[in-house]
Structure formats: structure tokens, C-alpha cells
């Protein structure tokens, strides 16, 4: 991901993951894709910094 390569995208990946979870909850049938699961794993491991 660009953040891991040192590029500042301005995207808060923690908030993005939370928004994806909300959409899945509201839709009732979305579980997210591979990228969503990857982002969550990386955030849990601390490999991605969540922008403030």
C-alpha cells in the first residue's frame, strides 16, 4: 500500500475500515473484500499507521 511505501495519502485507514463495517452492517449482506480484511489485519498488527 502507498502508506507502507512512505506516501501520505491523507486516508485514515482505521476510519475507512470502520466505514466499511458500517456499510456491511446496514446492508446486512456485505462482508467486505480481500482488501478490507487485509487492512484490518495490518492495523491490528500495527503495520499500518492510522492517520489522525
N, C-alpha and C. Protein backbone atom coordinates (compact mmCIF):
# COMPACT_ATOMS: atom_id res chain seq x y z
N UNK A 1 0.85 -1.18 0.00
CA UNK A 1 0.00 0.00 0.00
C UNK A 1 0.89 1.24 0.00
N UNK A 2 0.32 2.32 -0.45
CA UNK A 2 1.10 3.54 -0.55
C UNK A 2 1.62 4.02 0.80
N UNK A 3 0.80 3.86 1.85
CA UNK A 3 1.25 4.29 3.18
C UNK A 3 2.51 3.54 3.59
N UNK A 4 2.58 2.25 3.31
CA UNK A 4 3.75 1.46 3.68
C UNK A 4 4.97 1.84 2.86
N UNK A 5 4.76 2.44 1.70
CA UNK A 5 5.87 2.88 0.86
C UNK A 5 6.31 4.30 1.21
N UNK A 6 5.65 4.91 2.20
CA UNK A 6 6.06 6.23 2.65
C UNK A 6 5.29 7.38 2.04
N UNK A 7 4.27 7.09 1.23
CA UNK A 7 3.46 8.15 0.63
C UNK A 7 2.32 8.51 1.56
N UNK A 8 2.09 9.80 1.74
CA UNK A 8 0.98 10.26 2.56
C UNK A 8 -0.24 10.44 1.67
N UNK A 9 -1.21 9.56 1.85
CA UNK A 9 -2.42 9.62 1.03
C UNK A 9 -3.49 10.50 1.66
N UNK A 10 -3.37 10.75 2.97
CA UNK A 10 -4.38 11.51 3.67
C UNK A 10 -5.60 10.67 4.04
N UNK A 11 -5.53 9.38 3.75
CA UNK A 11 -6.64 8.48 4.05
C UNK A 11 -6.39 7.82 5.40
N UNK A 12 -7.35 7.93 6.29
CA UNK A 12 -7.27 7.27 7.59
C UNK A 12 -7.81 5.86 7.41
N UNK A 13 -6.92 4.88 7.37
CA UNK A 13 -7.32 3.51 7.09
C UNK A 13 -8.18 2.92 8.19
N UNK A 14 -7.99 3.37 9.42
CA UNK A 14 -8.85 2.92 10.51
C UNK A 14 -10.29 3.37 10.30
N UNK A 15 -10.45 4.61 9.89
CA UNK A 15 -11.79 5.14 9.63
C UNK A 15 -12.40 4.49 8.39
N UNK A 16 -11.57 4.20 7.40
CA UNK A 16 -12.05 3.53 6.21
C UNK A 16 -12.58 2.14 6.55
N UNK A 17 -11.84 1.41 7.39
CA UNK A 17 -12.28 0.08 7.80
C UNK A 17 -13.57 0.16 8.61
N UNK A 18 -13.68 1.17 9.47
CA UNK A 18 -14.90 1.34 10.26
C UNK A 18 -16.09 1.67 9.36
N UNK A 19 -15.87 2.49 8.34
CA UNK A 19 -16.94 2.82 7.40
C UNK A 19 -17.39 1.58 6.63
N UNK A 20 -16.44 0.75 6.23
CA UNK A 20 -16.78 -0.49 5.52
C UNK A 20 -17.59 -1.41 6.42
N UNK A 21 -17.24 -1.47 7.70
CA UNK A 21 -18.01 -2.29 8.65
C UNK A 21 -19.44 -1.76 8.80
N UNK A 22 -19.59 -0.44 8.85
CA UNK A 22 -20.91 0.17 8.97
C UNK A 22 -21.77 -0.15 7.74
N UNK A 23 -21.18 -0.04 6.56
CA UNK A 23 -21.91 -0.35 5.33
C UNK A 23 -22.35 -1.81 5.34
N UNK A 24 -21.46 -2.71 5.76
CA UNK A 24 -21.80 -4.13 5.81
C UNK A 24 -22.96 -4.36 6.79
N UNK A 25 -22.92 -3.67 7.92
CA UNK A 25 -23.98 -3.81 8.92
C UNK A 25 -25.31 -3.29 8.38
N UNK A 26 -25.29 -2.14 7.73
CA UNK A 26 -26.52 -1.54 7.21
C UNK A 26 -27.09 -2.34 6.04
N UNK A 27 -26.21 -2.86 5.21
CA UNK A 27 -26.67 -3.63 4.05
C UNK A 27 -27.13 -5.02 4.45
N UNK A 28 -26.54 -5.52 5.51
CA UNK A 28 -26.95 -6.82 6.02
C UNK A 28 -26.42 -8.01 5.25
N UNK A 29 -25.68 -7.79 4.18
CA UNK A 29 -25.20 -8.92 3.42
C UNK A 29 -23.78 -8.75 2.88
N UNK A 30 -23.14 -7.66 3.15
CA UNK A 30 -21.78 -7.43 2.67
C UNK A 30 -20.79 -7.82 3.76
N UNK A 31 -19.77 -8.52 3.36
CA UNK A 31 -18.74 -8.88 4.33
C UNK A 31 -17.41 -8.23 4.00
N UNK A 32 -17.38 -7.42 2.98
CA UNK A 32 -16.14 -6.78 2.58
C UNK A 32 -15.33 -7.69 1.69
N UNK A 33 -14.33 -7.14 1.10
CA UNK A 33 -13.50 -7.92 0.20
C UNK A 33 -12.16 -8.25 0.83
N UNK A 34 -11.25 -8.70 0.02
CA UNK A 34 -9.92 -9.06 0.50
C UNK A 34 -9.16 -7.85 1.03
N UNK A 35 -9.33 -6.71 0.41
CA UNK A 35 -8.62 -5.51 0.85
C UNK A 35 -9.05 -5.10 2.25
N UNK A 36 -10.34 -5.19 2.53
CA UNK A 36 -10.85 -4.83 3.85
C UNK A 36 -10.25 -5.73 4.93
N UNK A 37 -10.22 -7.01 4.67
CA UNK A 37 -9.65 -7.95 5.64
C UNK A 37 -8.15 -7.70 5.83
N UNK A 38 -7.46 -7.40 4.74
CA UNK A 38 -6.02 -7.14 4.81
C UNK A 38 -5.74 -5.89 5.63
N UNK A 39 -6.50 -4.82 5.38
CA UNK A 39 -6.31 -3.56 6.12
C UNK A 39 -6.53 -3.80 7.61
N UNK A 40 -7.58 -4.53 7.97
CA UNK A 40 -7.86 -4.80 9.38
C UNK A 40 -6.72 -5.58 10.03
N UNK A 41 -6.21 -6.59 9.33
CA UNK A 41 -5.09 -7.38 9.88
C UNK A 41 -3.86 -6.50 10.08
N UNK A 42 -3.56 -5.65 9.11
CA UNK A 42 -2.38 -4.79 9.21
C UNK A 42 -2.53 -3.78 10.34
N UNK A 43 -3.73 -3.23 10.52
CA UNK A 43 -3.96 -2.28 11.61
C UNK A 43 -3.82 -2.98 12.95
N UNK A 44 -4.34 -4.22 13.06
CA UNK A 44 -4.23 -4.97 14.32
C UNK A 44 -2.77 -5.27 14.66
N UNK A 45 -1.97 -5.58 13.64
CA UNK A 45 -0.55 -5.89 13.85
C UNK A 45 0.26 -4.61 14.10
N UNK A 46 -0.31 -3.47 13.77
CA UNK A 46 0.42 -2.21 13.92
C UNK A 46 1.32 -1.90 12.75
N UNK A 47 1.14 -2.63 11.64
CA UNK A 47 1.97 -2.40 10.46
C UNK A 47 1.54 -1.19 9.65
N UNK A 48 0.31 -0.73 9.86
CA UNK A 48 -0.18 0.46 9.19
C UNK A 48 -0.48 1.51 10.23
N UNK A 49 -0.02 2.70 10.00
CA UNK A 49 -0.35 3.79 10.92
C UNK A 49 -1.67 4.39 10.49
N UNK A 50 -2.56 4.54 11.43
CA UNK A 50 -3.84 5.18 11.16
C UNK A 50 -3.64 6.67 11.28
N UNK A 51 -3.93 7.41 10.21
CA UNK A 51 -3.75 8.87 10.22
C UNK A 51 -4.68 9.52 11.22
N UNK A 52 -4.25 10.62 11.77
CA UNK A 52 -5.09 11.35 12.74
C UNK A 52 -5.78 12.50 12.09
